Amino acid sequence: MTNLSQPADPDSGTRSYRFYWPIVCLYVAMQLVSDVTAGKLISFAGFSVSVTVLYFPFTYIFADVLTEVYGYAKARRALWMVLICSVLAGLIYQVAVYMPAPEGFDASDAYRRVLGIVPRVLVGGWIAVFAGEISNNYVMAKMKLVFKGRHLWARTIGSTIVGQFTNTVLFYVIALYGVIPNNLLVESVLMGWILKVAVEAVMTPVTYWVVGRLKVAEKEDYFDRDTNFNPFILT
């Protein structure tokens, strides 16, 4: 699909989009849900994994859609919104957990167990999310140029392979290195990575449908030919 409409500067703000912010809101919501439920373990194919392997990959689908339709700069802006909301929510959770409870309130331990995340795990999660998703977006944007906008399936899966590997390795190493045996650490990284990529692959037909509809609705199909790929620009 050729460019339908493309401003000279993706950060200029000269275009308004109908669906950009609704997608960002879903992106933020899925990240916050993943943050809260990451400690819930399930048995999957004989392995103990976080329940988030079933839906955290959707954050990468949102990132792929944003990068494909609106460009890297718009996806980077969305990622910063996700990260800021995740950090704010995480800090508020910690305050809520350690505020003194009145007599008769017996659920403090339950709140502490679910929301009282160890700072090392909390920070590891933030670093992993940012590094994983910014690398996903970068690969997605560059592959779009290389393939001249073709082979969306290869770009979404290829970028997810890189992004999810970065995310999974960083999180487990920062949060759990020295806490669990190294062989279990490696096993958890590999299994988590494979399952996350598998979810992305299974959802490829849905991604195709959403991207196609969005490009038509927004009259946009951005190619990052002159984009500043500095990940630390917030706009």
Protein backbone atom coordinates (compact mmCIF):
# COMPACT_ATOMS: atom_id res chain seq x y z
CA MET A 1 0.00 0.00 0.00
CA THR A 2 1.44 3.39 -0.94
CA ASN A 3 1.51 6.46 1.23
CA LEU A 4 -1.94 7.96 1.47
CA SER A 5 -0.89 11.01 3.44
CA GLN A 6 2.38 11.85 5.11
CA PRO A 7 3.45 15.08 6.84
CA ALA A 8 7.07 16.14 6.47
CA ASP A 9 7.61 15.83 10.21
CA PRO A 10 5.83 13.08 12.16
CA ASP A 11 6.22 15.09 15.38
CA SER A 12 4.87 18.34 13.95
CA GLY A 13 1.33 17.75 15.18
CA THR A 14 -0.17 19.01 11.90
CA ARG A 15 -2.33 15.93 11.51
CA SER A 16 -5.06 14.77 13.83
CA TYR A 17 -6.10 11.14 13.87
CA ARG A 18 -9.37 9.53 14.89
CA PHE A 19 -7.99 6.29 16.27
CA TYR A 20 -4.48 7.09 17.50
CA TRP A 21 -5.42 7.97 21.09
CA PRO A 22 -7.98 5.17 21.52
CA ILE A 23 -5.23 2.70 20.55
CA VAL A 24 -2.83 4.38 22.98
CA CYS A 25 -5.42 4.05 25.77
CA LEU A 26 -5.79 0.30 25.07
CA TYR A 27 -1.99 0.03 24.98
CA VAL A 28 -1.72 1.69 28.41
CA ALA A 29 -4.53 -0.45 29.84
CA MET A 30 -2.92 -3.70 28.69
CA GLN A 31 0.42 -2.67 30.18
CA LEU A 32 -1.15 -1.82 33.55
CA VAL A 33 -3.06 -5.10 33.61
CA SER A 34 0.18 -6.94 32.86
CA ASP A 35 2.00 -5.06 35.62
CA VAL A 36 -0.54 -6.11 38.25
CA THR A 37 -0.95 -9.73 37.17
CA ALA A 38 2.67 -10.58 36.31
CA GLY A 39 3.09 -12.46 39.60
CA LYS A 40 0.31 -14.93 38.81
CA LEU A 41 1.92 -18.17 37.64
CA ILE A 42 0.18 -20.76 35.49
CA SER A 43 1.17 -24.20 34.28
CA PHE A 44 1.57 -24.18 30.51
CA ALA A 45 2.85 -27.24 28.62
CA GLY A 46 4.49 -28.46 31.80
CA PHE A 47 6.25 -25.16 32.51
CA SER A 48 5.50 -22.55 35.15
CA VAL A 49 5.11 -19.18 33.44
CA SER A 50 3.49 -15.86 34.21
CA VAL A 51 -0.11 -15.60 33.05
CA THR A 52 0.93 -12.44 31.20
CA VAL A 53 2.51 -14.49 28.40
CA LEU A 54 -1.06 -14.92 27.17
CA TYR A 55 -1.83 -11.21 26.81
CA PHE A 56 1.29 -9.08 27.33
CA PRO A 57 2.19 -9.71 23.65
CA PHE A 58 -0.82 -7.56 22.76
CA THR A 59 1.24 -4.53 23.82
CA TYR A 60 3.60 -5.43 20.97
CA ILE A 61 0.70 -5.75 18.57
CA PHE A 62 -0.39 -2.23 19.53
CA ALA A 63 3.19 -1.03 19.05
CA ASP A 64 3.36 -2.72 15.63
CA VAL A 65 0.08 -1.16 14.53
CA LEU A 66 1.12 2.31 15.68
CA THR A 67 4.53 2.06 13.98
CA GLU A 68 3.10 0.63 10.76
CA VAL A 69 0.32 3.17 10.34
CA TYR A 70 1.52 6.34 12.09
CA GLY A 71 5.31 5.88 12.10
CA TYR A 72 8.06 5.35 14.64
CA ALA A 73 7.77 8.81 16.21
CA LYS A 74 4.10 8.37 17.03
CA ALA A 75 4.76 4.88 18.40
CA ARG A 76 7.63 6.25 20.51
CA ARG A 77 5.31 8.92 21.95
CA ALA A 78 2.78 6.22 22.83
CA LEU A 79 5.49 4.11 24.48
CA TRP A 80 6.52 7.03 26.69
CA MET A 81 2.88 7.46 27.72
CA VAL A 82 2.74 3.74 28.57
CA LEU A 83 5.96 3.93 30.58
CA ILE A 84 4.94 7.07 32.48
CA CYS A 85 1.57 5.55 33.38
CA SER A 86 3.23 2.29 34.45
CA VAL A 87 5.74 4.11 36.66
CA LEU A 88 3.04 6.31 38.20
CA ALA A 89 0.76 3.34 38.87
CA GLY A 90 3.64 1.30 40.33
CA LEU A 91 4.62 4.06 42.74
CA ILE A 92 1.02 4.61 43.84
CA TYR A 93 0.61 0.85 44.42
CA GLN A 94 3.60 0.94 46.78
CA VAL A 95 2.19 3.89 48.71
CA ALA A 96 -1.22 2.20 48.96
CA VAL A 97 0.31 -1.05 50.21
CA TYR A 98 2.29 0.53 53.03
CA MET A 99 -0.28 3.06 54.25
CA PRO A 100 -1.51 2.05 57.72
CA ALA A 101 -4.85 0.24 57.76
CA PRO A 102 -7.64 0.87 60.27
CA GLU A 103 -8.65 -1.70 62.85
CA GLY A 104 -10.89 -4.37 61.43
CA PHE A 105 -9.48 -4.22 57.89
CA ASP A 106 -7.95 -7.65 57.37
CA ALA A 107 -6.99 -7.50 53.66
CA SER A 108 -3.70 -5.60 53.99
CA ASP A 109 -1.59 -8.74 53.61
CA ALA A 110 -3.43 -9.68 50.42
CA TYR A 111 -2.83 -6.22 48.94
CA ARG A 112 0.80 -6.36 50.00
CA ARG A 113 1.28 -9.77 48.42
CA VAL A 114 -0.20 -8.75 45.06
CA LEU A 115 0.84 -5.10 44.76
CA GLY A 116 3.88 -4.89 47.04
CA ILE A 117 6.36 -5.52 44.25
CA VAL A 118 10.05 -5.74 45.15
CA PRO A 119 11.75 -2.55 43.84
CA ARG A 120 14.24 -4.61 41.84
CA VAL A 121 11.38 -6.34 40.02
CA LEU A 122 9.53 -3.06 39.51
CA VAL A 123 12.53 -1.29 37.98
CA GLY A 124 13.43 -4.37 35.95
CA GLY A 125 9.97 -4.37 34.46
CA TRP A 126 10.16 -0.71 33.45
CA ILE A 127 13.58 -1.09 31.83
CA ALA A 128 12.50 -4.26 30.03
CA VAL A 129 9.30 -2.69 28.71
CA PHE A 130 11.04 0.39 27.35
CA ALA A 131 14.03 -1.39 25.82
CA GLY A 132 11.92 -4.21 24.38
CA GLU A 133 9.28 -2.06 22.79
CA ILE A 134 11.59 0.64 21.46
CA SER A 135 13.71 -2.06 19.76
CA ASN A 136 10.50 -3.63 18.40
CA ASN A 137 9.41 -0.29 16.93
CA TYR A 138 12.85 0.42 15.46
CA VAL A 139 13.06 -2.96 13.73
CA MET A 140 9.48 -2.62 12.49
CA ALA A 141 10.13 0.81 10.97
CA LYS A 142 13.45 -0.19 9.36
CA MET A 143 12.04 -3.42 7.93
CA LYS A 144 9.18 -1.45 6.37
CA LEU A 145 11.74 0.58 4.43
CA VAL A 146 13.74 -2.50 3.43
CA PHE A 147 10.62 -4.38 2.24
CA LYS A 148 9.07 -1.22 0.71
CA GLY A 149 5.92 -1.69 2.78
CA ARG A 150 5.42 -5.32 1.78
CA HIS A 151 5.40 -8.54 3.86
CA LEU A 152 3.70 -7.14 6.96
CA TRP A 153 3.69 -10.63 8.53
CA ALA A 154 7.48 -10.83 8.36
CA ARG A 155 7.85 -7.36 9.85
CA THR A 156 5.47 -7.88 12.75
CA ILE A 157 6.90 -11.27 13.68
CA GLY A 158 10.52 -10.23 13.04
CA SER A 159 10.24 -7.10 15.18
CA THR A 160 8.49 -9.09 17.92
CA ILE A 161 11.26 -11.69 17.96
CA VAL A 162 13.79 -8.92 18.64
CA GLY A 163 11.61 -6.88 21.01
CA GLN A 164 10.31 -9.76 23.10
CA PHE A 165 13.78 -11.29 23.38
CA THR A 166 15.13 -7.96 24.65
CA ASN A 167 12.22 -7.55 27.06
CA THR A 168 12.34 -11.09 28.43
CA VAL A 169 16.10 -11.27 28.89
CA LEU A 170 16.33 -7.87 30.58
CA PHE A 171 13.43 -8.53 32.94
CA TYR A 172 14.60 -11.95 34.11
CA VAL A 173 18.25 -10.90 34.44
CA ILE A 174 17.52 -7.66 36.32
CA ALA A 175 14.68 -8.99 38.47
CA LEU A 176 15.61 -12.61 39.10
CA TYR A 177 19.32 -13.20 38.51
CA GLY A 178 20.75 -14.67 41.71
CA VAL A 179 17.24 -15.31 43.03
CA ILE A 180 16.48 -18.45 41.04
CA PRO A 181 18.95 -21.05 39.69
CA ASN A 182 20.62 -20.08 36.40
CA ASN A 183 19.26 -23.10 34.54
CA LEU A 184 15.71 -22.17 35.56
CA LEU A 185 16.40 -18.57 34.60
CA VAL A 186 17.47 -19.57 31.09
CA GLU A 187 14.53 -21.97 30.77
CA SER A 188 12.09 -19.25 31.84
CA VAL A 189 13.55 -16.73 29.40
CA LEU A 190 13.34 -19.13 26.45
CA MET A 191 9.85 -20.37 27.25
CA GLY A 192 8.50 -16.88 27.89
CA TRP A 193 10.07 -15.57 24.67
CA ILE A 194 8.74 -18.43 22.54
CA LEU A 195 5.21 -18.14 23.92
CA LYS A 196 5.09 -14.36 23.42
CA VAL A 197 6.24 -14.63 19.82
CA ALA A 198 3.73 -17.44 19.25
CA VAL A 199 0.86 -15.20 20.38
CA GLU A 200 2.01 -12.51 17.93
CA ALA A 201 2.16 -15.06 15.11
CA VAL A 202 -1.32 -16.41 15.87
CA MET A 203 -2.72 -12.86 15.91
CA THR A 204 -1.18 -11.95 12.53
CA PRO A 205 -4.48 -12.15 10.58
CA VAL A 206 -6.09 -9.76 13.09
CA THR A 207 -3.12 -7.40 12.81
CA TYR A 208 -3.48 -7.41 9.01
CA TRP A 209 -7.18 -6.56 9.27
CA VAL A 210 -6.68 -3.77 11.83
CA VAL A 211 -3.76 -2.21 9.94
CA GLY A 212 -5.64 -2.30 6.63
CA ARG A 213 -8.73 -0.66 8.09
CA LEU A 214 -6.71 1.98 9.94
CA LYS A 215 -4.69 3.00 6.89
CA VAL A 216 -7.87 3.62 4.97
CA ALA A 217 -9.69 5.35 7.85
CA GLU A 218 -6.75 7.60 8.78
CA LYS A 219 -5.50 8.11 5.20
CA GLU A 220 -2.02 7.37 6.52
CA ASP A 221 0.69 4.81 5.82
CA TYR A 222 3.87 6.32 7.22
CA PHE A 223 7.37 5.46 6.03
CA ASP A 224 10.17 6.53 8.39
CA ARG A 225 12.60 7.82 5.77
CA ASP A 226 13.74 10.94 7.63
CA THR A 227 12.80 10.03 11.18
CA ASN A 228 14.97 10.80 14.20
CA PHE A 229 15.19 7.39 15.91
CA ASN A 230 16.51 8.73 19.23
CA PRO A 231 14.46 6.72 21.75
CA PHE A 232 14.67 9.42 24.45
CA ILE A 233 12.62 12.05 22.60
CA LEU A 234 9.27 12.22 24.37
CA THR A 235 7.26 14.03 21.68
